[in-house]
C-alpha cells in the first residue's frame, strides 16, 4: 500500500507541475506587452549578461529550479528566445553553486 501511495503522489505532482507551467505560460502570453518582450530580448542578447541575470534572480528566489521554470515558461510563451534563455539557466545553476558554500 505504501508503494502505491508514493507512486500516486509522484504522478499527481507531475500532472500539477505541468498544469501550472502551462497556465503560467498562457498568462505571460496574455499579459506581456511588446515593450516587455523587447526589454528581455535586449538585456539577454549577450550570454554573459544572461548569466548575471540568472544568478541574480536565483539569489533572490533561492531556487534554481524556480528560475529555470520561469525562464522555460517565458520561452514557451514566446517572450524570450531559446538562445537568450540559455545564459539565464546557466546563471541560475552557477548561482546555486556559489550560494551553497
PDB file of N, CA and C in Angstrom:
ATOM      1  N   UNK A   1       0.811  -1.195   0.000  1.00  0.00           N
ATOM      2  CA  UNK A   1       0.000   0.000   0.000  1.00  0.00           C
ATOM      3  C   UNK A   1       0.860   1.267   0.000  1.00  0.00           C
ATOM      4  N   UNK A   2       1.976   1.229   0.663  1.00  0.00           N
ATOM      5  CA  UNK A   2       2.847   2.389   0.747  1.00  0.00           C
ATOM      6  C   UNK A   2       3.440   2.729  -0.623  1.00  0.00           C
ATOM      7  N   UNK A   3       3.834   1.705  -1.391  1.00  0.00           N
ATOM      8  CA  UNK A   3       4.384   1.947  -2.736  1.00  0.00           C
ATOM      9  C   UNK A   3       3.340   2.573  -3.657  1.00  0.00           C
ATOM     10  N   UNK A   4       2.095   2.132  -3.519  1.00  0.00           N
ATOM     11  CA  UNK A   4       1.023   2.710  -4.323  1.00  0.00           C
ATOM     12  C   UNK A   4       0.839   4.188  -3.977  1.00  0.00           C
ATOM     13  N   UNK A   5       0.888   4.508  -2.712  1.00  0.00           N
ATOM     14  CA  UNK A   5       0.718   5.898  -2.275  1.00  0.00           C
ATOM     15  C   UNK A   5       1.843   6.786  -2.811  1.00  0.00           C
ATOM     16  N   UNK A   6       3.062   6.297  -2.770  1.00  0.00           N
ATOM     17  CA  UNK A   6       4.207   7.057  -3.283  1.00  0.00           C
ATOM     18  C   UNK A   6       4.080   7.248  -4.791  1.00  0.00           C
ATOM     19  N   UNK A   7       3.726   6.204  -5.505  1.00  0.00           N
ATOM     20  CA  UNK A   7       3.545   6.301  -6.955  1.00  0.00           C
ATOM     21  C   UNK A   7       2.428   7.251  -7.331  1.00  0.00           C
ATOM     22  N   UNK A   8       1.326   7.168  -6.619  1.00  0.00           N
ATOM     23  CA  UNK A   8       0.187   8.051  -6.872  1.00  0.00           C
ATOM     24  C   UNK A   8       0.569   9.507  -6.624  1.00  0.00           C
ATOM     25  N   UNK A   9       1.305   9.750  -5.563  1.00  0.00           N
ATOM     26  CA  UNK A   9       1.751  11.105  -5.241  1.00  0.00           C
ATOM     27  C   UNK A   9       2.699  11.633  -6.315  1.00  0.00           C
ATOM     28  N   UNK A  10       3.596  10.786  -6.801  1.00  0.00           N
ATOM     29  CA  UNK A  10       4.546  11.204  -7.842  1.00  0.00           C
ATOM     30  C   UNK A  10       3.829  11.572  -9.132  1.00  0.00           C
ATOM     31  N   UNK A  11       2.879  10.762  -9.538  1.00  0.00           N
ATOM     32  CA  UNK A  11       2.134  11.039 -10.772  1.00  0.00           C
ATOM     33  C   UNK A  11       1.306  12.308 -10.621  1.00  0.00           C
ATOM     34  N   UNK A  12       0.643  12.450  -9.492  1.00  0.00           N
ATOM     35  CA  UNK A  12      -0.179  13.634  -9.255  1.00  0.00           C
ATOM     36  C   UNK A  12       0.654  14.914  -9.245  1.00  0.00           C
ATOM     37  N   UNK A  13       1.815  14.862  -8.605  1.00  0.00           N
ATOM     38  CA  UNK A  13       2.658  16.061  -8.548  1.00  0.00           C
ATOM     39  C   UNK A  13       3.174  16.444  -9.930  1.00  0.00           C
ATOM     40  N   UNK A  14       3.500  15.478 -10.760  1.00  0.00           N
ATOM     41  CA  UNK A  14       3.948  15.791 -12.127  1.00  0.00           C
ATOM     42  C   UNK A  14       2.827  16.410 -12.946  1.00  0.00           C
ATOM     43  N   UNK A  15       1.628  15.890 -12.793  1.00  0.00           N
ATOM     44  CA  UNK A  15       0.486  16.444 -13.517  1.00  0.00           C
ATOM     45  C   UNK A  15       0.240  17.891 -13.083  1.00  0.00           C
ATOM     46  N   UNK A  16       0.266  18.144 -11.792  1.00  0.00           N
ATOM     47  CA  UNK A  16       0.062  19.507 -11.301  1.00  0.00           C
ATOM     48  C   UNK A  16       1.175  20.447 -11.747  1.00  0.00           C
ATOM     49  N   UNK A  17       2.414  19.952 -11.789  1.00  0.00           N
ATOM     50  CA  UNK A  17       3.534  20.764 -12.246  1.00  0.00           C
ATOM     51  C   UNK A  17       3.355  21.189 -13.697  1.00  0.00           C
ATOM     52  N   UNK A  18       3.013  20.248 -14.562  1.00  0.00           N
ATOM     53  CA  UNK A  18       2.819  20.563 -15.985  1.00  0.00           C
ATOM     54  C   UNK A  18       1.614  21.476 -16.170  1.00  0.00           C
ATOM     55  N   UNK A  19       0.550  21.244 -15.414  1.00  0.00           N
ATOM     56  CA  UNK A  19      -0.631  22.102 -15.479  1.00  0.00           C
ATOM     57  C   UNK A  19      -0.283  23.531 -15.085  1.00  0.00           C
ATOM     58  N   UNK A  20       0.452  23.696 -14.000  1.00  0.00           N
ATOM     59  CA  UNK A  20       0.856  25.028 -13.552  1.00  0.00           C
ATOM     60  C   UNK A  20       1.765  25.713 -14.543  1.00  0.00           C
ATOM     61  N   UNK A  21       2.698  24.971 -15.123  1.00  0.00           N
ATOM     62  CA  UNK A  21       3.611  25.524 -16.113  1.00  0.00           C
ATOM     63  C   UNK A  21       2.862  26.003 -17.347  1.00  0.00           C
ATOM     64  N   UNK A  22       1.907  25.217 -17.789  1.00  0.00           N
ATOM     65  CA  UNK A  22       1.113  25.592 -18.970  1.00  0.00           C
ATOM     66  C   UNK A  22       0.272  26.840 -18.698  1.00  0.00           C
ATOM     67  N   UNK A  23      -0.363  26.902 -17.551  1.00  0.00           N
ATOM     68  CA  UNK A  23      -1.176  28.082 -17.220  1.00  0.00           C
ATOM     69  C   UNK A  23      -0.322  29.323 -17.026  1.00  0.00           C
ATOM     70  N   UNK A  24       0.854  29.167 -16.428  1.00  0.00           N
ATOM     71  CA  UNK A  24       1.763  30.294 -16.255  1.00  0.00           C
ATOM     72  C   UNK A  24       2.177  30.844 -17.617  1.00  0.00           C
ATOM     73  N   UNK A  25       2.472  29.960 -18.569  1.00  0.00           N
ATOM     74  CA  UNK A  25       2.851  30.386 -19.919  1.00  0.00           C
ATOM     75  C   UNK A  25       1.714  31.140 -20.602  1.00  0.00           C
ATOM     76  N   UNK A  26       0.498  30.647 -20.435  1.00  0.00           N
ATOM     77  CA  UNK A  26      -0.653  31.325 -21.047  1.00  0.00           C
ATOM     78  C   UNK A  26      -0.842  32.722 -20.469  1.00  0.00           C
ATOM     79  N   UNK A  27      -0.681  32.843 -19.155  1.00  0.00           N
ATOM     80  CA  UNK A  27      -0.836  34.156 -18.517  1.00  0.00           C
ATOM     81  C   UNK A  27       0.252  35.127 -18.961  1.00  0.00           C
ATOM     82  N   UNK A  28       1.460  34.638 -19.114  1.00  0.00           N
ATOM     83  CA  UNK A  28       2.549  35.501 -19.581  1.00  0.00           C
ATOM     84  C   UNK A  28       2.272  35.958 -21.005  1.00  0.00           C
ATOM     85  N   UNK A  29       1.822  35.054 -21.854  1.00  0.00           N
ATOM     86  CA  UNK A  29       1.486  35.428 -23.226  1.00  0.00           C
ATOM     87  C   UNK A  29       0.412  36.511 -23.245  1.00  0.00           C
ATOM     88  N   UNK A  30      -0.578  36.348 -22.410  1.00  0.00           N
ATOM     89  CA  UNK A  30      -1.705  37.273 -22.408  1.00  0.00           C
ATOM     90  C   UNK A  30      -1.326  38.639 -21.839  1.00  0.00           C
ATOM     91  N   UNK A  31      -0.475  38.665 -20.831  1.00  0.00           N
ATOM     92  CA  UNK A  31      -0.224  39.904 -20.106  1.00  0.00           C
ATOM     93  C   UNK A  31       1.054  40.641 -20.494  1.00  0.00           C
ATOM     94  N   UNK A  32       1.933  40.006 -21.256  1.00  0.00           N
ATOM     95  CA  UNK A  32       3.174  40.703 -21.616  1.00  0.00           C
ATOM     96  C   UNK A  32       2.957  41.548 -22.873  1.00  0.00           C
ATOM     97  N   UNK A  33       3.454  42.756 -22.813  1.00  0.00           N
ATOM     98  CA  UNK A  33       3.325  43.631 -23.966  1.00  0.00           C
ATOM     99  C   UNK A  33       4.640  43.656 -24.747  1.00  0.00           C
ATOM    100  N   UNK A  34       4.630  44.343 -25.855  1.00  0.00           N
ATOM    101  CA  UNK A  34       5.800  44.390 -26.745  1.00  0.00           C
ATOM    102  C   UNK A  34       6.988  45.050 -26.063  1.00  0.00           C
ATOM    103  N   UNK A  35       6.737  46.023 -25.230  1.00  0.00           N
ATOM    104  CA  UNK A  35       7.810  46.722 -24.519  1.00  0.00           C
ATOM    105  C   UNK A  35       8.589  45.754 -23.616  1.00  0.00           C
ATOM    106  N   UNK A  36       7.861  44.895 -22.897  1.00  0.00           N
ATOM    107  CA  UNK A  36       8.477  43.895 -22.024  1.00  0.00           C
ATOM    108  C   UNK A  36       9.277  42.887 -22.838  1.00  0.00           C
ATOM    109  N   UNK A  37       8.745  42.457 -23.966  1.00  0.00           N
ATOM    110  CA  UNK A  37       9.439  41.495 -24.828  1.00  0.00           C
ATOM    111  C   UNK A  37      10.749  42.077 -25.367  1.00  0.00           C
ATOM    112  N   UNK A  38      10.705  43.327 -25.809  1.00  0.00           N
ATOM    113  CA  UNK A  38      11.922  43.964 -26.321  1.00  0.00           C
ATOM    114  C   UNK A  38      12.948  44.152 -25.217  1.00  0.00           C
ATOM    115  N   UNK A  39      12.495  44.521 -24.020  1.00  0.00           N
ATOM    116  CA  UNK A  39      13.407  44.696 -22.898  1.00  0.00           C
ATOM    117  C   UNK A  39      14.131  43.390 -22.580  1.00  0.00           C
ATOM    118  N   UNK A  40      13.393  42.294 -22.489  1.00  0.00           N
ATOM    119  CA  UNK A  40      14.021  41.000 -22.211  1.00  0.00           C
ATOM    120  C   UNK A  40      14.959  40.573 -23.328  1.00  0.00           C
ATOM    121  N   UNK A  41      14.546  40.794 -24.544  1.00  0.00           N
ATOM    122  CA  UNK A  41      15.367  40.420 -25.688  1.00  0.00           C
ATOM    123  C   UNK A  41      16.672  41.205 -25.713  1.00  0.00           C
ATOM    124  N   UNK A  42      16.582  42.507 -25.451  1.00  0.00           N
ATOM    125  CA  UNK A  42      17.779  43.346 -25.482  1.00  0.00           C
ATOM    126  C   UNK A  42      18.723  43.067 -24.316  1.00  0.00           C
ATOM    127  N   UNK A  43      18.174  42.829 -23.130  1.00  0.00           N
ATOM    128  CA  UNK A  43      19.041  42.614 -21.964  1.00  0.00           C
ATOM    129  C   UNK A  43      19.702  41.245 -21.967  1.00  0.00           C
ATOM    130  N   UNK A  44      19.084  40.260 -22.580  1.00  0.00           N
ATOM    131  CA  UNK A  44      19.668  38.917 -22.602  1.00  0.00           C
ATOM    132  C   UNK A  44      20.337  38.592 -23.931  1.00  0.00           C
ATOM    133  N   UNK A  45      20.563  39.599 -24.749  1.00  0.00           N
ATOM    134  CA  UNK A  45      21.181  39.379 -26.054  1.00  0.00           C
ATOM    135  C   UNK A  45      22.577  38.774 -25.913  1.00  0.00           C
ATOM    136  N   UNK A  46      23.319  39.220 -24.920  1.00  0.00           N
ATOM    137  CA  UNK A  46      24.664  38.706 -24.684  1.00  0.00           C
ATOM    138  C   UNK A  46      24.593  37.656 -23.576  1.00  0.00           C
ATOM    139  N   UNK A  47      25.226  36.529 -23.792  1.00  0.00           N
ATOM    140  CA  UNK A  47      25.142  35.412 -22.842  1.00  0.00           C
ATOM    141  C   UNK A  47      25.673  35.783 -21.460  1.00  0.00           C
ATOM    142  N   UNK A  48      26.726  36.595 -21.411  1.00  0.00           N
ATOM    143  CA  UNK A  48      27.286  36.992 -20.120  1.00  0.00           C
ATOM    144  C   UNK A  48      26.301  37.760 -19.269  1.00  0.00           C
ATOM    145  N   UNK A  49      25.542  38.634 -19.909  1.00  0.00           N
ATOM    146  CA  UNK A  49      24.524  39.394 -19.181  1.00  0.00           C
ATOM    147  C   UNK A  49      23.416  38.450 -18.714  1.00  0.00           C
ATOM    148  N   UNK A  50      23.061  37.481 -19.550  1.00  0.00           N
ATOM    149  CA  UNK A  50      22.055  36.488 -19.172  1.00  0.00           C
ATOM    150  C   UNK A  50      22.492  35.664 -17.973  1.00  0.00           C
ATOM    151  N   UNK A  51      23.783  35.321 -17.931  1.00  0.00           N
ATOM    152  CA  UNK A  51      24.314  34.576 -16.794  1.00  0.00           C
ATOM    153  C   UNK A  51      24.199  35.403 -15.523  1.00  0.00           C
ATOM    154  N   UNK A  52      24.542  36.674 -15.602  1.00  0.00           N
ATOM    155  CA  UNK A  52      24.425  37.550 -14.431  1.00  0.00           C
ATOM    156  C   UNK A  52      22.968  37.697 -13.983  1.00  0.00           C
ATOM    157  N   UNK A  53      22.074  37.852 -14.929  1.00  0.00           N
ATOM    158  CA  UNK A  53      20.654  37.971 -14.598  1.00  0.00           C
ATOM    159  C   UNK A  53      20.153  36.690 -13.939  1.00  0.00           C
ATOM    160  N   UNK A  54      20.537  35.552 -14.496  1.00  0.00           N
ATOM    161  CA  UNK A  54      20.125  34.273 -13.919  1.00  0.00           C
ATOM    162  C   UNK A  54      20.649  34.082 -12.514  1.00  0.00           C
ATOM    163  N   UNK A  55      21.900  34.474 -12.274  1.00  0.00           N
ATOM    164  CA  UNK A  55      22.481  34.355 -10.933  1.00  0.00           C
ATOM    165  C   UNK A  55      21.791  35.294  -9.953  1.00  0.00           C
ATOM    166  N   UNK A  56      21.467  36.511 -10.401  1.00  0.00           N
ATOM    167  CA  UNK A  56      20.787  37.460  -9.514  1.00  0.00           C
ATOM    168  C   UNK A  56      19.369  36.998  -9.176  1.00  0.00           C
ATOM    169  N   UNK A  57      18.656  36.492 -10.170  1.00  0.00           N
ATOM    170  CA  UNK A  57      17.304  36.000  -9.918  1.00  0.00           C
ATOM    171  C   UNK A  57      17.354  34.813  -8.964  1.00  0.00           C
ATOM    172  N   UNK A  58      18.326  33.924  -9.173  1.00  0.00           N
ATOM    173  CA  UNK A  58      18.462  32.769  -8.292  1.00  0.00           C
ATOM    174  C   UNK A  58      18.793  33.205  -6.874  1.00  0.00           C
ATOM    175  N   UNK A  59      19.609  34.241  -6.723  1.00  0.00           N
ATOM    176  CA  UNK A  59      19.957  34.734  -5.388  1.00  0.00           C
ATOM    177  C   UNK A  59      18.730  35.298  -4.672  1.00  0.00           C
ATOM    178  N   UNK A  60      17.829  35.917  -5.418  1.00  0.00           N
ATOM    179  CA  UNK A  60      16.617  36.481  -4.815  1.00  0.00           C
ATOM    180  C   UNK A  60      15.604  35.377  -4.504  1.00  0.00           C
ATOM    181  N   UNK A  61      15.383  34.503  -5.468  1.00  0.00           N
ATOM    182  CA  UNK A  61      14.374  33.460  -5.323  1.00  0.00           C
ATOM    183  C   UNK A  61      14.888  32.293  -4.472  1.00  0.00           C
ATOM    184  N   UNK A  62      16.198  32.072  -4.455  1.00  0.00           N
ATOM    185  CA  UNK A  62      16.855  30.977  -3.746  1.00  0.00           C
ATOM    186  C   UNK A  62      16.429  29.606  -4.263  1.00  0.00           C
ATOM    187  N   UNK A  63      16.174  29.523  -5.565  1.00  0.00           N
ATOM    188  CA  UNK A  63      15.816  28.251  -6.177  1.00  0.00           C
ATOM    189  C   UNK A  63      16.158  28.294  -7.655  1.00  0.00           C
ATOM    190  N   UNK A  64      17.147  27.500  -8.035  1.00  0.00           N
ATOM    191  CA  UNK A  64      17.491  27.452  -9.458  1.00  0.00           C
ATOM    192  C   UNK A  64      16.394  26.761 -10.252  1.00  0.00           C
ATOM    193  N   UNK A  65      15.682  25.848  -9.619  1.00  0.00           N
ATOM    194  CA  UNK A  65      14.572  25.182 -10.306  1.00  0.00           C
ATOM    195  C   UNK A  65      13.478  26.178 -10.649  1.00  0.00           C
ATOM    196  N   UNK A  66      13.132  27.041  -9.713  1.00  0.00           N
ATOM    197  CA  UNK A  66      12.100  28.043  -9.976  1.00  0.00           C
ATOM    198  C   UNK A  66      12.555  29.015 -11.062  1.00  0.00           C
ATOM    199  N   UNK A  67      13.830  29.405 -11.011  1.00  0.00           N
ATOM    200  CA  UNK A  67      14.368  30.298 -12.034  1.00  0.00           C
ATOM    201  C   UNK A  67      14.316  29.636 -13.407  1.00  0.00           C
ATOM    202  N   UNK A  68      14.675  28.365 -13.467  1.00  0.00           N
ATOM    203  CA  UNK A  68      14.640  27.640 -14.740  1.00  0.00           C
ATOM    204  C   UNK A  68      13.214  27.482 -15.247  1.00  0.00           C
ATOM    205  N   UNK A  69      12.279  27.197 -14.359  1.00  0.00           N
ATOM    206  CA  UNK A  69      10.880  27.033 -14.765  1.00  0.00           C
ATOM    207  C   UNK A  69      10.321  28.349 -15.291  1.00  0.00           C
ATOM    208  N   UNK A  70      10.629  29.443 -14.629  1.00  0.00           N
ATOM    209  CA  UNK A  70      10.164  30.749 -15.107  1.00  0.00           C
ATOM    210  C   UNK A  70      10.755  31.055 -16.477  1.00  0.00           C
ATOM    211  N   UNK A  71      12.048  30.762 -16.655  1.00  0.00           N
ATOM    212  CA  UNK A  71      12.701  31.005 -17.944  1.00  0.00           C
ATOM    213  C   UNK A  71      12.093  30.145 -19.037  1.00  0.00           C
ATOM    214  N   UNK A  72      11.852  28.880 -18.739  1.00  0.00           N
ATOM    215  CA  UNK A  72      11.239  27.983 -19.718  1.00  0.00           C
ATOM    216  C   UNK A  72       9.833  28.452 -20.070  1.00  0.00           C
ATOM    217  N   UNK A  73       9.104  28.958 -19.088  1.00  0.00           N
ATOM    218  CA  UNK A  73       7.765  29.487 -19.362  1.00  0.00           C
ATOM    219  C   UNK A  73       7.826  30.711 -20.271  1.00  0.00           C
ATOM    220  N   UNK A  74       8.831  31.555 -20.068  1.00  0.00           N
ATOM    221  CA  UNK A  74       8.996  32.719 -20.944  1.00  0.00           C
ATOM    222  C   UNK A  74       9.309  32.291 -22.371  1.00  0.00           C
ATOM    223  N   UNK A  75      10.117  31.251 -22.526  1.00  0.00           N
ATOM    224  CA  UNK A  75      10.423  30.736 -23.872  1.00  0.00           C
ATOM    225  C   UNK A  75       9.171  30.123 -24.483  1.00  0.00           C
ATOM    226  N   UNK A  76       8.445  29.342 -23.685  1.00  0.00           N
ATOM    227  CA  UNK A  76       7.223  28.701 -24.176  1.00  0.00           C
ATOM    228  C   UNK A  76       6.185  29.733 -24.592  1.00  0.00           C
ATOM    229  N   UNK A  77       6.143  30.860 -23.898  1.00  0.00           N
ATOM    230  CA  UNK A  77       5.182  31.909 -24.229  1.00  0.00           C
ATOM    231  C   UNK A  77       5.628  32.756 -25.410  1.00  0.00           C
ATOM    232  N   UNK A  78       6.860  32.580 -25.864  1.00  0.00           N
ATOM    233  CA  UNK A  78       7.360  33.359 -26.985  1.00  0.00           C
ATOM    234  C   UNK A  78       7.874  34.724 -26.584  1.00  0.00           C
ATOM    235  N   UNK A  79       8.019  34.951 -25.292  1.00  0.00           N
ATOM    236  CA  UNK A  79       8.507  36.237 -24.808  1.00  0.00           C
ATOM    237  C   UNK A  79      10.029  36.300 -24.908  1.00  0.00           C
ATOM    238  N   UNK A  80      10.687  35.176 -24.724  1.00  0.00           N
ATOM    239  CA  UNK A  80      12.144  35.086 -24.710  1.00  0.00           C
ATOM    240  C   UNK A  80      12.567  34.000 -25.688  1.00  0.00           C
ATOM    241  N   UNK A  81      13.636  34.243 -26.433  1.00  0.00           N
ATOM    242  CA  UNK A  81      14.100  33.217 -27.363  1.00  0.00           C
ATOM    243  C   UNK A  81      14.920  32.170 -26.617  1.00  0.00           C
ATOM    244  N   UNK A  82      15.008  30.994 -27.200  1.00  0.00           N
ATOM    245  CA  UNK A  82      15.777  29.914 -26.564  1.00  0.00           C
ATOM    246  C   UNK A  82      17.239  30.309 -26.417  1.00  0.00           C
ATOM    247  N   UNK A  83      17.776  30.932 -27.441  1.00  0.00           N
ATOM    248  CA  UNK A  83      19.177  31.354 -27.406  1.00  0.00           C
ATOM    249  C   UNK A  83      19.443  32.290 -26.231  1.00  0.00           C
ATOM    250  N   UNK A  84      18.542  33.214 -25.991  1.00  0.00           N
ATOM    251  CA  UNK A  84      18.708  34.159 -24.899  1.00  0.00           C
ATOM    252  C   UNK A  84      18.463  33.529 -23.528  1.00  0.00           C
ATOM    253  N   UNK A  85      17.706  32.439 -23.492  1.00  0.00           N
ATOM    254  CA  UNK A  85      17.390  31.808 -22.213  1.00  0.00           C
ATOM    255  C   UNK A  85      18.522  30.941 -21.676  1.00  0.00           C
ATOM    256  N   UNK A  86      19.413  30.501 -22.545  1.00  0.00           N
ATOM    257  CA  UNK A  86      20.493  29.605 -22.120  1.00  0.00           C
ATOM    258  C   UNK A  86      21.380  30.267 -21.065  1.00  0.00           C
ATOM    259  N   UNK A  87      21.715  31.524 -21.260  1.00  0.00           N
ATOM    260  CA  UNK A  87      22.540  32.236 -20.290  1.00  0.00           C
ATOM    261  C   UNK A  87      21.868  32.350 -18.932  1.00  0.00           C
ATOM    262  N   UNK A  88      20.563  32.576 -18.926  1.00  0.00           N
ATOM    263  CA  UNK A  88      19.828  32.698 -17.662  1.00  0.00           C
ATOM    264  C   UNK A  88      19.853  31.371 -16.909  1.00  0.00           C
ATOM    265  N   UNK A  89      19.643  30.278 -17.619  1.00  0.00           N
ATOM    266  CA  UNK A  89      19.647  28.962 -16.970  1.00  0.00           C
ATOM    267  C   UNK A  89      21.039  28.624 -16.454  1.00  0.00           C
ATOM    268  N   UNK A  90      22.076  28.914 -17.230  1.00  0.00           N
ATOM    269  CA  UNK A  90      23.450  28.710 -16.744  1.00  0.00           C
ATOM    270  C   UNK A  90      23.712  29.562 -15.508  1.00  0.00           C
ATOM    271  N   UNK A  91      23.264  30.806 -15.525  1.00  0.00           N
ATOM    272  CA  UNK A  91      23.454  31.694 -14.383  1.00  0.00           C
ATOM    273  C   UNK A  91      22.748  31.187 -13.136  1.00  0.00           C
ATOM    274  N   UNK A  92      21.564  30.612 -13.316  1.00  0.00           N
ATOM    275  CA  UNK A  92      20.847  30.053 -12.167  1.00  0.00           C
ATOM    276  C   UNK A  92      21.624  28.888 -11.568  1.00  0.00           C
ATOM    277  N   UNK A  93      22.186  28.057 -12.418  1.00  0.00           N
ATOM    278  CA  UNK A  93      22.963  26.920 -11.919  1.00  0.00           C
ATOM    279  C   UNK A  93      24.265  27.373 -11.272  1.00  0.00           C
ATOM    280  N   UNK A  94      24.906  28.369 -11.834  1.00  0.00           N
ATOM    281  CA  UNK A  94      26.121  28.916 -11.225  1.00  0.00           C
ATOM    282  C   UNK A  94      25.781  29.574  -9.894  1.00  0.00           C
ATOM    283  N   UNK A  95      24.686  30.299  -9.837  1.00  0.00           N
ATOM    284  CA  UNK A  95      24.252  30.934  -8.594  1.00  0.00           C
ATOM    285  C   UNK A  95      23.973  29.910  -7.503  1.00  0.00           C
ATOM    286  N   UNK A  96      23.418  28.774  -7.878  1.00  0.00           N
ATOM    287  CA  UNK A  96      23.191  27.704  -6.906  1.00  0.00           C
ATOM    288  C   UNK A  96      24.520  27.199  -6.341  1.00  0.00           C
ATOM    289  N   UNK A  97      25.487  27.025  -7.212  1.00  0.00           N
ATOM    290  CA  UNK A  97      26.788  26.540  -6.793  1.00  0.00           C
ATOM    291  C   UNK A  97      27.463  27.527  -5.854  1.00  0.00           C
ATOM    292  N   UNK A  98      27.364  28.813  -6.165  1.00  0.00           N
ATOM    293  CA  UNK A  98      28.026  29.835  -5.355  1.00  0.00           C
ATOM    294  C   UNK A  98      27.347  29.987  -3.991  1.00  0.00           C
ATOM    295  N   UNK A  99      26.015  29.947  -3.953  1.00  0.00           N
ATOM    296  CA  UNK A  99      25.318  30.187  -2.691  1.00  0.00           C
ATOM    297  C   UNK A  99      25.293  28.969  -1.774  1.00  0.00           C
ATOM    298  N   UNK A 100      25.634  27.799  -2.276  1.00  0.00           N
ATOM    299  CA  UNK A 100      25.615  26.591  -1.439  1.00  0.00           C
ATOM    300  C   UNK A 100      26.816  26.520  -0.521  1.00  0.00           C
ATOM    301  N   UNK A 101      27.861  27.250  -0.771  1.00  0.00           N
ATOM    302  CA  UNK A 101      29.072  27.144   0.047  1.00  0.00           C
ATOM    303  C   UNK A 101      28.978  27.924   1.263  1.00  0.00           C
TER     304      UNK A 101
END
